[in-house]
């Protein structure tokens, strides 16, 4: 097999793996999923179940949610919120398009919740990418679609907060949003920062390495030493954690870049172990290293 074909097939395989992980969660018995609630501030909570972390601002003006996990969990999620407050759920902000963050949209939309997200996210729900085996994506039902979209930061004034939804262009996907709760001093950052596994640049849904680094810098500028940063997956982190995460990405990129310039194939780059300094430090890193290295390689190979 030629070097060109070898590289092509390696990249194609990694692309399909990334698509499968983003669009088709492993078979889950949702009846056994337990929703766990963590209180981070007087009116702010994080719910963890199956999929991305959910943020809940609760107060006399009602509830603002960040992300919705999977559809079969909606009743459990609503029940967990009812343990916090009986006020109505008014708004849902989606941080990005993946189904472990938007799967409950339809159920919540039918409950009268106003869904808010980037225009790019709405478009991808309406025109989803094909599945890993080439099967056409299934468009989301109308009730699952954001009814308010934005391309610049917007603010929700409720429950004593000035909640800022800040677009993060082309990071994990092309529809990412950072949600900042300044009074609670909490950032819901979605999946463009994760503390479980190496980063995931979903290039098939518009993500980019440069955008991810720029988005992390945006979050760092919002933080002080006490800010709690809630990733879509993994343990809660802080400003120092964001800085370390960014520096890791830069260090790995800087090891891959000269290999790309030398014309190395992806298998040769993998054999050079560009993540070796971090493999033991990243929880779940062994299962995500090939994906991340492949994504960085593809972006650098394309000259980005």
C-alpha atoms as a PDB file:
ATOM      1  CA  UNK A   1       0.000   0.000   0.000  1.00  0.00           C
ATOM      2  CA  UNK A   2       1.359   3.475  -0.864  1.00  0.00           C
ATOM      3  CA  UNK A   3       2.107   6.025   1.838  1.00  0.00           C
ATOM      4  CA  UNK A   4      -0.727   8.198   0.484  1.00  0.00           C
ATOM      5  CA  UNK A   5      -3.271   5.370   0.697  1.00  0.00           C
ATOM      6  CA  UNK A   6      -2.011   4.342   4.131  1.00  0.00           C
ATOM      7  CA  UNK A   7      -2.508   7.858   5.453  1.00  0.00           C
ATOM      8  CA  UNK A   8      -5.906   8.201   3.789  1.00  0.00           C
ATOM      9  CA  UNK A   9      -7.287   4.995   5.272  1.00  0.00           C
ATOM     10  CA  UNK A  10      -5.893   5.793   8.727  1.00  0.00           C
ATOM     11  CA  UNK A  11      -7.519   9.224   8.700  1.00  0.00           C
ATOM     12  CA  UNK A  12     -10.783   7.816   7.385  1.00  0.00           C
ATOM     13  CA  UNK A  13     -10.893   5.232  10.161  1.00  0.00           C
ATOM     14  CA  UNK A  14     -10.286   7.855  12.827  1.00  0.00           C
ATOM     15  CA  UNK A  15     -12.923  10.110  11.299  1.00  0.00           C
ATOM     16  CA  UNK A  16     -15.497   7.314  11.441  1.00  0.00           C
ATOM     17  CA  UNK A  17     -14.581   6.534  15.024  1.00  0.00           C
ATOM     18  CA  UNK A  18     -15.041  10.192  15.943  1.00  0.00           C
ATOM     19  CA  UNK A  19     -18.417  10.295  14.193  1.00  0.00           C
ATOM     20  CA  UNK A  20     -19.554   7.130  15.937  1.00  0.00           C
ATOM     21  CA  UNK A  21     -18.569   8.450  19.359  1.00  0.00           C
ATOM     22  CA  UNK A  22     -20.287  11.777  18.719  1.00  0.00           C
ATOM     23  CA  UNK A  23     -23.524  10.490  17.183  1.00  0.00           C
ATOM     24  CA  UNK A  24     -24.128   6.948  18.413  1.00  0.00           C
ATOM     25  CA  UNK A  25     -23.728   6.386  22.160  1.00  0.00           C
ATOM     26  CA  UNK A  26     -23.099   2.851  23.314  1.00  0.00           C
ATOM     27  CA  UNK A  27     -26.160   0.817  24.242  1.00  0.00           C
ATOM     28  CA  UNK A  28     -27.281   2.041  27.650  1.00  0.00           C
ATOM     29  CA  UNK A  29     -29.903   0.823  30.068  1.00  0.00           C
ATOM     30  CA  UNK A  30     -31.269   4.248  30.964  1.00  0.00           C
ATOM     31  CA  UNK A  31     -33.517   2.752  33.633  1.00  0.00           C
ATOM     32  CA  UNK A  32     -30.385   2.191  35.721  1.00  0.00           C
ATOM     33  CA  UNK A  33     -28.971   5.704  35.285  1.00  0.00           C
ATOM     34  CA  UNK A  34     -28.992   7.762  38.472  1.00  0.00           C
ATOM     35  CA  UNK A  35     -29.051  11.557  38.262  1.00  0.00           C
ATOM     36  CA  UNK A  36     -26.695  13.017  40.854  1.00  0.00           C
ATOM     37  CA  UNK A  37     -26.982  16.639  41.958  1.00  0.00           C
ATOM     38  CA  UNK A  38     -24.035  18.777  43.075  1.00  0.00           C
ATOM     39  CA  UNK A  39     -24.608  22.242  44.526  1.00  0.00           C
ATOM     40  CA  UNK A  40     -21.912  24.703  43.420  1.00  0.00           C
ATOM     41  CA  UNK A  41     -23.491  27.973  44.589  1.00  0.00           C
ATOM     42  CA  UNK A  42     -26.658  29.075  46.453  1.00  0.00           C
ATOM     43  CA  UNK A  43     -28.775  28.983  43.276  1.00  0.00           C
ATOM     44  CA  UNK A  44     -26.622  26.865  40.971  1.00  0.00           C
ATOM     45  CA  UNK A  45     -26.406  23.092  40.579  1.00  0.00           C
ATOM     46  CA  UNK A  46     -24.819  20.514  38.292  1.00  0.00           C
ATOM     47  CA  UNK A  47     -26.651  17.314  37.368  1.00  0.00           C
ATOM     48  CA  UNK A  48     -24.642  14.277  36.289  1.00  0.00           C
ATOM     49  CA  UNK A  49     -26.244  11.214  34.729  1.00  0.00           C
ATOM     50  CA  UNK A  50     -25.391   9.725  31.353  1.00  0.00           C
ATOM     51  CA  UNK A  51     -23.832  12.138  28.885  1.00  0.00           C
ATOM     52  CA  UNK A  52     -22.784  15.751  29.267  1.00  0.00           C
ATOM     53  CA  UNK A  53     -23.074  17.614  32.548  1.00  0.00           C
ATOM     54  CA  UNK A  54     -26.223  19.719  33.006  1.00  0.00           C
ATOM     55  CA  UNK A  55     -26.181  23.151  34.634  1.00  0.00           C
ATOM     56  CA  UNK A  56     -29.232  24.376  36.579  1.00  0.00           C
ATOM     57  CA  UNK A  57     -29.807  27.956  37.704  1.00  0.00           C
ATOM     58  CA  UNK A  58     -32.821  27.920  40.028  1.00  0.00           C
ATOM     59  CA  UNK A  59     -34.598  30.846  41.650  1.00  0.00           C
ATOM     60  CA  UNK A  60     -37.834  32.822  41.863  1.00  0.00           C
ATOM     61  CA  UNK A  61     -37.765  33.704  38.157  1.00  0.00           C
ATOM     62  CA  UNK A  62     -37.670  30.046  37.176  1.00  0.00           C
ATOM     63  CA  UNK A  63     -35.050  27.599  35.956  1.00  0.00           C
ATOM     64  CA  UNK A  64     -32.402  28.051  33.281  1.00  0.00           C
ATOM     65  CA  UNK A  65     -30.794  24.784  32.157  1.00  0.00           C
ATOM     66  CA  UNK A  66     -27.586  24.168  30.239  1.00  0.00           C
ATOM     67  CA  UNK A  67     -27.812  21.022  28.062  1.00  0.00           C
ATOM     68  CA  UNK A  68     -30.312  18.175  28.240  1.00  0.00           C
ATOM     69  CA  UNK A  69     -28.499  14.793  28.015  1.00  0.00           C
ATOM     70  CA  UNK A  70     -30.427  11.912  26.365  1.00  0.00           C
ATOM     71  CA  UNK A  71     -34.181  11.783  25.764  1.00  0.00           C
ATOM     72  CA  UNK A  72     -34.877   8.689  27.939  1.00  0.00           C
ATOM     73  CA  UNK A  73     -33.506  10.588  30.953  1.00  0.00           C
ATOM     74  CA  UNK A  74     -35.754  13.658  30.756  1.00  0.00           C
ATOM     75  CA  UNK A  75     -38.213  12.478  33.421  1.00  0.00           C
ATOM     76  CA  UNK A  76     -35.363  11.697  35.823  1.00  0.00           C
ATOM     77  CA  UNK A  77     -33.703  15.041  35.096  1.00  0.00           C
ATOM     78  CA  UNK A  78     -36.939  16.952  35.673  1.00  0.00           C
ATOM     79  CA  UNK A  79     -37.501  15.000  38.900  1.00  0.00           C
ATOM     80  CA  UNK A  80     -34.009  15.973  40.073  1.00  0.00           C
ATOM     81  CA  UNK A  81     -34.774  19.628  39.316  1.00  0.00           C
ATOM     82  CA  UNK A  82     -38.028  19.328  41.248  1.00  0.00           C
ATOM     83  CA  UNK A  83     -35.957  18.340  44.292  1.00  0.00           C
ATOM     84  CA  UNK A  84     -34.289  21.749  43.935  1.00  0.00           C
ATOM     85  CA  UNK A  85     -37.278  23.957  43.044  1.00  0.00           C
ATOM     86  CA  UNK A  86     -40.893  23.862  41.943  1.00  0.00           C
ATOM     87  CA  UNK A  87     -40.459  26.911  39.719  1.00  0.00           C
ATOM     88  CA  UNK A  88     -40.984  26.306  35.973  1.00  0.00           C
ATOM     89  CA  UNK A  89     -38.126  25.389  33.653  1.00  0.00           C
ATOM     90  CA  UNK A  90     -38.034  28.421  31.345  1.00  0.00           C
ATOM     91  CA  UNK A  91     -34.867  28.255  29.259  1.00  0.00           C
ATOM     92  CA  UNK A  92     -32.495  25.612  27.902  1.00  0.00           C
ATOM     93  CA  UNK A  93     -29.127  26.592  26.399  1.00  0.00           C
ATOM     94  CA  UNK A  94     -27.314  23.973  24.310  1.00  0.00           C
ATOM     95  CA  UNK A  95     -23.506  24.146  24.414  1.00  0.00           C
ATOM     96  CA  UNK A  96     -23.135  22.093  21.196  1.00  0.00           C
ATOM     97  CA  UNK A  97     -24.978  19.698  18.910  1.00  0.00           C
ATOM     98  CA  UNK A  98     -24.003  16.216  20.139  1.00  0.00           C
ATOM     99  CA  UNK A  99     -26.913  14.056  21.317  1.00  0.00           C
ATOM    100  CA  UNK A 100     -25.634  13.618  24.868  1.00  0.00           C
ATOM    101  CA  UNK A 101     -26.190  17.394  25.203  1.00  0.00           C
ATOM    102  CA  UNK A 102     -29.288  17.887  23.011  1.00  0.00           C
ATOM    103  CA  UNK A 103     -31.092  14.536  23.216  1.00  0.00           C
ATOM    104  CA  UNK A 104     -33.663  15.777  25.715  1.00  0.00           C
ATOM    105  CA  UNK A 105     -34.508  18.903  23.711  1.00  0.00           C
ATOM    106  CA  UNK A 106     -37.694  17.554  22.168  1.00  0.00           C
ATOM    107  CA  UNK A 107     -39.154  16.483  25.509  1.00  0.00           C
ATOM    108  CA  UNK A 108     -38.324  19.793  27.146  1.00  0.00           C
ATOM    109  CA  UNK A 109     -39.521  21.768  24.136  1.00  0.00           C
ATOM    110  CA  UNK A 110     -42.895  20.012  24.362  1.00  0.00           C
ATOM    111  CA  UNK A 111     -43.014  21.021  28.027  1.00  0.00           C
ATOM    112  CA  UNK A 112     -42.853  24.655  26.958  1.00  0.00           C
ATOM    113  CA  UNK A 113     -39.164  25.245  27.633  1.00  0.00           C
ATOM    114  CA  UNK A 114     -37.598  27.856  25.338  1.00  0.00           C
ATOM    115  CA  UNK A 115     -34.512  26.359  23.662  1.00  0.00           C
ATOM    116  CA  UNK A 116     -31.650  28.725  22.881  1.00  0.00           C
ATOM    117  CA  UNK A 117     -28.460  27.992  20.915  1.00  0.00           C
ATOM    118  CA  UNK A 118     -26.155  29.054  18.108  1.00  0.00           C
ATOM    119  CA  UNK A 119     -27.608  29.232  14.597  1.00  0.00           C
ATOM    120  CA  UNK A 120     -24.966  26.700  13.507  1.00  0.00           C
ATOM    121  CA  UNK A 121     -26.224  24.226  16.101  1.00  0.00           C
ATOM    122  CA  UNK A 122     -29.806  24.613  14.920  1.00  0.00           C
ATOM    123  CA  UNK A 123     -28.709  24.015  11.339  1.00  0.00           C
ATOM    124  CA  UNK A 124     -26.835  20.829  12.295  1.00  0.00           C
ATOM    125  CA  UNK A 125     -29.858  19.497  14.172  1.00  0.00           C
ATOM    126  CA  UNK A 126     -31.915  20.107  11.032  1.00  0.00           C
ATOM    127  CA  UNK A 127     -29.239  18.705   8.684  1.00  0.00           C
ATOM    128  CA  UNK A 128     -27.249  16.134  10.695  1.00  0.00           C
ATOM    129  CA  UNK A 129     -24.099  14.467   9.418  1.00  0.00           C
ATOM    130  CA  UNK A 130     -24.384  10.873   8.106  1.00  0.00           C
ATOM    131  CA  UNK A 131     -23.683   8.115  10.617  1.00  0.00           C
ATOM    132  CA  UNK A 132     -20.368   6.248  10.662  1.00  0.00           C
ATOM    133  CA  UNK A 133     -21.661   3.625   8.191  1.00  0.00           C
ATOM    134  CA  UNK A 134     -22.941   6.276   5.784  1.00  0.00           C
ATOM    135  CA  UNK A 135     -26.591   6.111   6.828  1.00  0.00           C
ATOM    136  CA  UNK A 136     -28.145   9.571   6.403  1.00  0.00           C
ATOM    137  CA  UNK A 137     -28.666  11.480   9.620  1.00  0.00           C
ATOM    138  CA  UNK A 138     -32.196  11.882  10.954  1.00  0.00           C
ATOM    139  CA  UNK A 139     -33.264  15.539  11.298  1.00  0.00           C
ATOM    140  CA  UNK A 140     -34.353  16.560  14.772  1.00  0.00           C
ATOM    141  CA  UNK A 141     -38.082  17.090  15.367  1.00  0.00           C
ATOM    142  CA  UNK A 142     -39.292  20.685  15.313  1.00  0.00           C
ATOM    143  CA  UNK A 143     -39.837  20.632  19.086  1.00  0.00           C
ATOM    144  CA  UNK A 144     -36.126  19.870  19.593  1.00  0.00           C
ATOM    145  CA  UNK A 145     -34.907  22.893  17.644  1.00  0.00           C
ATOM    146  CA  UNK A 146     -33.724  26.125  19.250  1.00  0.00           C
ATOM    147  CA  UNK A 147     -36.337  28.848  18.837  1.00  0.00           C
ATOM    148  CA  UNK A 148     -33.893  31.632  19.691  1.00  0.00           C
ATOM    149  CA  UNK A 149     -30.476  31.701  18.021  1.00  0.00           C
ATOM    150  CA  UNK A 150     -27.557  34.101  18.217  1.00  0.00           C
ATOM    151  CA  UNK A 151     -24.167  34.839  16.703  1.00  0.00           C
ATOM    152  CA  UNK A 152     -22.958  37.287  19.363  1.00  0.00           C
ATOM    153  CA  UNK A 153     -23.030  37.048  23.177  1.00  0.00           C
ATOM    154  CA  UNK A 154     -26.461  37.303  24.778  1.00  0.00           C
ATOM    155  CA  UNK A 155     -27.449  37.800  28.417  1.00  0.00           C
ATOM    156  CA  UNK A 156     -30.273  36.301  30.498  1.00  0.00           C
ATOM    157  CA  UNK A 157     -31.260  38.496  33.456  1.00  0.00           C
ATOM    158  CA  UNK A 158     -32.968  36.157  35.915  1.00  0.00           C
ATOM    159  CA  UNK A 159     -32.721  34.794  39.441  1.00  0.00           C
ATOM    160  CA  UNK A 160     -30.323  37.584  40.417  1.00  0.00           C
ATOM    161  CA  UNK A 161     -27.868  36.482  37.698  1.00  0.00           C
ATOM    162  CA  UNK A 162     -26.660  38.025  34.441  1.00  0.00           C
ATOM    163  CA  UNK A 163     -26.081  34.777  32.587  1.00  0.00           C
ATOM    164  CA  UNK A 164     -23.850  35.235  29.540  1.00  0.00           C
ATOM    165  CA  UNK A 165     -24.044  32.825  26.590  1.00  0.00           C
ATOM    166  CA  UNK A 166     -20.847  33.422  24.613  1.00  0.00           C
ATOM    167  CA  UNK A 167     -20.331  31.910  21.145  1.00  0.00           C
ATOM    168  CA  UNK A 168     -17.054  30.003  20.744  1.00  0.00           C
ATOM    169  CA  UNK A 169     -16.437  29.716  16.979  1.00  0.00           C
ATOM    170  CA  UNK A 170     -15.182  26.408  15.557  1.00  0.00           C
ATOM    171  CA  UNK A 171     -13.826  24.738  18.697  1.00  0.00           C
ATOM    172  CA  UNK A 172     -15.224  21.283  19.585  1.00  0.00           C
ATOM    173  CA  UNK A 173     -17.815  21.944  16.833  1.00  0.00           C
ATOM    174  CA  UNK A 174     -18.830  25.051  14.898  1.00  0.00           C
ATOM    175  CA  UNK A 175     -21.786  25.681  17.223  1.00  0.00           C
ATOM    176  CA  UNK A 176     -20.173  25.810  20.669  1.00  0.00           C
ATOM    177  CA  UNK A 177     -21.266  28.136  23.463  1.00  0.00           C
ATOM    178  CA  UNK A 178     -19.642  28.954  26.791  1.00  0.00           C
ATOM    179  CA  UNK A 179     -22.205  29.825  29.489  1.00  0.00           C
ATOM    180  CA  UNK A 180     -20.923  32.081  32.289  1.00  0.00           C
ATOM    181  CA  UNK A 181     -22.759  32.619  35.588  1.00  0.00           C
ATOM    182  CA  UNK A 182     -20.818  35.540  37.118  1.00  0.00           C
ATOM    183  CA  UNK A 183     -22.545  35.675  40.515  1.00  0.00           C
ATOM    184  CA  UNK A 184     -22.229  31.923  41.022  1.00  0.00           C
ATOM    185  CA  UNK A 185     -18.740  32.211  39.467  1.00  0.00           C
ATOM    186  CA  UNK A 186     -19.336  29.123  37.344  1.00  0.00           C
ATOM    187  CA  UNK A 187     -18.584  28.416  33.697  1.00  0.00           C
ATOM    188  CA  UNK A 188     -20.388  25.651  31.804  1.00  0.00           C
ATOM    189  CA  UNK A 189     -17.906  25.042  29.002  1.00  0.00           C
ATOM    190  CA  UNK A 190     -19.432  22.124  27.137  1.00  0.00           C
ATOM    191  CA  UNK A 191     -17.066  19.709  25.405  1.00  0.00           C
ATOM    192  CA  UNK A 192     -14.404  22.007  24.022  1.00  0.00           C
ATOM    193  CA  UNK A 193     -12.690  21.427  27.350  1.00  0.00           C
ATOM    194  CA  UNK A 194     -12.924  17.991  28.896  1.00  0.00           C
ATOM    195  CA  UNK A 195     -11.090  16.549  31.878  1.00  0.00           C
ATOM    196  CA  UNK A 196     -11.889  12.963  30.888  1.00  0.00           C
ATOM    197  CA  UNK A 197      -9.816  11.808  27.938  1.00  0.00           C
ATOM    198  CA  UNK A 198      -7.814  13.854  25.464  1.00  0.00           C
ATOM    199  CA  UNK A 199      -9.561  16.734  23.663  1.00  0.00           C
ATOM    200  CA  UNK A 200     -12.028  15.966  20.898  1.00  0.00           C
ATOM    201  CA  UNK A 201     -11.918  18.231  17.834  1.00  0.00           C
ATOM    202  CA  UNK A 202     -15.017  17.160  15.906  1.00  0.00           C
ATOM    203  CA  UNK A 203     -13.823  18.345  12.493  1.00  0.00           C
ATOM    204  CA  UNK A 204     -16.794  16.711  10.752  1.00  0.00           C
ATOM    205  CA  UNK A 205     -19.058  19.086  12.678  1.00  0.00           C
ATOM    206  CA  UNK A 206     -16.893  22.141  12.080  1.00  0.00           C
ATOM    207  CA  UNK A 207     -14.471  21.945  15.015  1.00  0.00           C
ATOM    208  CA  UNK A 208     -10.891  23.200  14.780  1.00  0.00           C
ATOM    209  CA  UNK A 209      -7.687  23.185  16.796  1.00  0.00           C
ATOM    210  CA  UNK A 210      -7.209  26.953  16.499  1.00  0.00           C
ATOM    211  CA  UNK A 211     -10.778  27.595  17.586  1.00  0.00           C
ATOM    212  CA  UNK A 212     -10.411  25.272  20.562  1.00  0.00           C
ATOM    213  CA  UNK A 213      -7.307  27.091  21.766  1.00  0.00           C
ATOM    214  CA  UNK A 214      -8.964  30.475  21.250  1.00  0.00           C
ATOM    215  CA  UNK A 215     -12.026  29.284  23.166  1.00  0.00           C
ATOM    216  CA  UNK A 216      -9.910  28.126  26.088  1.00  0.00           C
ATOM    217  CA  UNK A 217      -8.231  31.537  26.163  1.00  0.00           C
ATOM    218  CA  UNK A 218     -11.672  33.168  26.259  1.00  0.00           C
ATOM    219  CA  UNK A 219     -12.599  31.081  29.293  1.00  0.00           C
ATOM    220  CA  UNK A 220      -9.288  31.804  31.048  1.00  0.00           C
ATOM    221  CA  UNK A 221      -9.918  35.550  30.720  1.00  0.00           C
ATOM    222  CA  UNK A 222     -13.326  35.169  32.407  1.00  0.00           C
ATOM    223  CA  UNK A 223     -11.907  33.233  35.360  1.00  0.00           C
ATOM    224  CA  UNK A 224     -10.506  34.264  38.676  1.00  0.00           C
ATOM    225  CA  UNK A 225      -8.839  31.904  41.125  1.00  0.00           C
ATOM    226  CA  UNK A 226     -12.225  30.813  42.556  1.00  0.00           C
ATOM    227  CA  UNK A 227     -14.116  30.143  39.322  1.00  0.00           C
ATOM    228  CA  UNK A 228     -15.495  26.640  38.919  1.00  0.00           C
ATOM    229  CA  UNK A 229     -15.280  25.376  35.325  1.00  0.00           C
ATOM    230  CA  UNK A 230     -17.685  22.537  34.550  1.00  0.00           C
ATOM    231  CA  UNK A 231     -16.649  20.502  31.487  1.00  0.00           C
ATOM    232  CA  UNK A 232     -19.087  18.401  29.533  1.00  0.00           C
ATOM    233  CA  UNK A 233     -17.196  15.310  30.703  1.00  0.00           C
ATOM    234  CA  UNK A 234     -14.897  14.814  33.673  1.00  0.00           C
ATOM    235  CA  UNK A 235     -14.162  16.490  36.973  1.00  0.00           C
ATOM    236  CA  UNK A 236     -14.819  20.177  37.626  1.00  0.00           C
ATOM    237  CA  UNK A 237     -11.708  22.260  37.048  1.00  0.00           C
ATOM    238  CA  UNK A 238     -10.567  25.880  37.474  1.00  0.00           C
ATOM    239  CA  UNK A 239      -8.442  28.600  35.886  1.00  0.00           C
ATOM    240  CA  UNK A 240      -5.204  26.767  36.602  1.00  0.00           C
ATOM    241  CA  UNK A 241      -6.696  23.625  35.079  1.00  0.00           C
ATOM    242  CA  UNK A 242      -7.668  25.515  31.927  1.00  0.00           C
ATOM    243  CA  UNK A 243      -4.163  26.893  31.576  1.00  0.00           C
ATOM    244  CA  UNK A 244      -2.660  23.424  32.005  1.00  0.00           C
ATOM    245  CA  UNK A 245      -5.133  21.991  29.487  1.00  0.00           C
ATOM    246  CA  UNK A 246      -4.272  24.644  26.911  1.00  0.00           C
ATOM    247  CA  UNK A 247      -0.550  24.163  27.462  1.00  0.00           C
ATOM    248  CA  UNK A 248      -0.945  20.400  26.968  1.00  0.00           C
ATOM    249  CA  UNK A 249      -2.698  20.902  23.634  1.00  0.00           C
ATOM    250  CA  UNK A 250      -0.004  23.329  22.486  1.00  0.00           C
ATOM    251  CA  UNK A 251       2.796  20.984  23.566  1.00  0.00           C
ATOM    252  CA  UNK A 252       1.286  18.027  21.701  1.00  0.00           C
ATOM    253  CA  UNK A 253       0.640  20.154  18.619  1.00  0.00           C
ATOM    254  CA  UNK A 254       4.251  21.328  18.694  1.00  0.00           C
ATOM    255  CA  UNK A 255       5.467  17.727  18.712  1.00  0.00           C
ATOM    256  CA  UNK A 256       3.229  16.709  15.816  1.00  0.00           C
ATOM    257  CA  UNK A 257       3.841  19.778  13.635  1.00  0.00           C
ATOM    258  CA  UNK A 258       7.488  19.087  12.688  1.00  0.00           C
ATOM    259  CA  UNK A 259       6.624  15.473  11.899  1.00  0.00           C
ATOM    260  CA  UNK A 260       3.929  16.666   9.519  1.00  0.00           C
ATOM    261  CA  UNK A 261       6.388  19.051   7.878  1.00  0.00           C
ATOM    262  CA  UNK A 262       8.784  16.129   7.411  1.00  0.00           C
ATOM    263  CA  UNK A 263       6.053  14.252   5.540  1.00  0.00           C
ATOM    264  CA  UNK A 264       5.487  11.568   8.176  1.00  0.00           C
ATOM    265  CA  UNK A 265       2.383   9.413   7.854  1.00  0.00           C
ATOM    266  CA  UNK A 266      -0.186   9.236  10.615  1.00  0.00           C
ATOM    267  CA  UNK A 267       1.018   5.769  11.722  1.00  0.00           C
ATOM    268  CA  UNK A 268       4.547   7.169  11.924  1.00  0.00           C
ATOM    269  CA  UNK A 269       3.338  10.108  13.994  1.00  0.00           C
ATOM    270  CA  UNK A 270       1.460   7.755  16.309  1.00  0.00           C
ATOM    271  CA  UNK A 271       4.613   5.639  16.676  1.00  0.00           C
ATOM    272  CA  UNK A 272       6.486   8.769  17.810  1.00  0.00           C
ATOM    273  CA  UNK A 273       4.112   8.939  20.833  1.00  0.00           C
ATOM    274  CA  UNK A 274       3.563  12.720  20.839  1.00  0.00           C
ATOM    275  CA  UNK A 275       1.283  12.470  23.887  1.00  0.00           C
ATOM    276  CA  UNK A 276       3.715  10.410  25.987  1.00  0.00           C
ATOM    277  CA  UNK A 277       4.314  13.193  28.536  1.00  0.00           C
ATOM    278  CA  UNK A 278       0.591  13.267  29.310  1.00  0.00           C
ATOM    279  CA  UNK A 279      -0.639   9.690  28.858  1.00  0.00           C
ATOM    280  CA  UNK A 280      -0.423   8.877  32.564  1.00  0.00           C
ATOM    281  CA  UNK A 281      -1.930  12.227  33.605  1.00  0.00           C
ATOM    282  CA  UNK A 282      -5.099  12.220  31.499  1.00  0.00           C
ATOM    283  CA  UNK A 283      -7.950  10.071  32.871  1.00  0.00           C
ATOM    284  CA  UNK A 284      -9.250   7.895  30.052  1.00  0.00           C
ATOM    285  CA  UNK A 285      -6.397   9.020  27.851  1.00  0.00           C
ATOM    286  CA  UNK A 286      -5.510   5.603  26.448  1.00  0.00           C
ATOM    287  CA  UNK A 287      -8.880   5.262  24.695  1.00  0.00           C
ATOM    288  CA  UNK A 288      -8.821   8.767  23.196  1.00  0.00           C
ATOM    289  CA  UNK A 289      -5.189   9.368  22.258  1.00  0.00           C
ATOM    290  CA  UNK A 290      -5.503   7.976  18.703  1.00  0.00           C
ATOM    291  CA  UNK A 291      -8.543  10.128  18.028  1.00  0.00           C
ATOM    292  CA  UNK A 292      -6.868  13.327  19.236  1.00  0.00           C
ATOM    293  CA  UNK A 293      -3.556  12.735  17.483  1.00  0.00           C
ATOM    294  CA  UNK A 294      -5.447  11.919  14.273  1.00  0.00           C
ATOM    295  CA  UNK A 295      -7.476  15.114  14.544  1.00  0.00           C
ATOM    296  CA  UNK A 296      -4.411  17.304  15.140  1.00  0.00           C
ATOM    297  CA  UNK A 297      -2.545  15.531  12.340  1.00  0.00           C
ATOM    298  CA  UNK A 298      -5.421  16.091   9.895  1.00  0.00           C
ATOM    299  CA  UNK A 299      -5.662  19.772  10.750  1.00  0.00           C
ATOM    300  CA  UNK A 300      -1.934  20.386  10.430  1.00  0.00           C
ATOM    301  CA  UNK A 301      -1.809  18.325   7.242  1.00  0.00           C
ATOM    302  CA  UNK A 302      -4.494  20.584   5.794  1.00  0.00           C
ATOM    303  CA  UNK A 303      -2.344  23.598   6.623  1.00  0.00           C
ATOM    304  CA  UNK A 304      -4.597  24.945   9.372  1.00  0.00           C
END
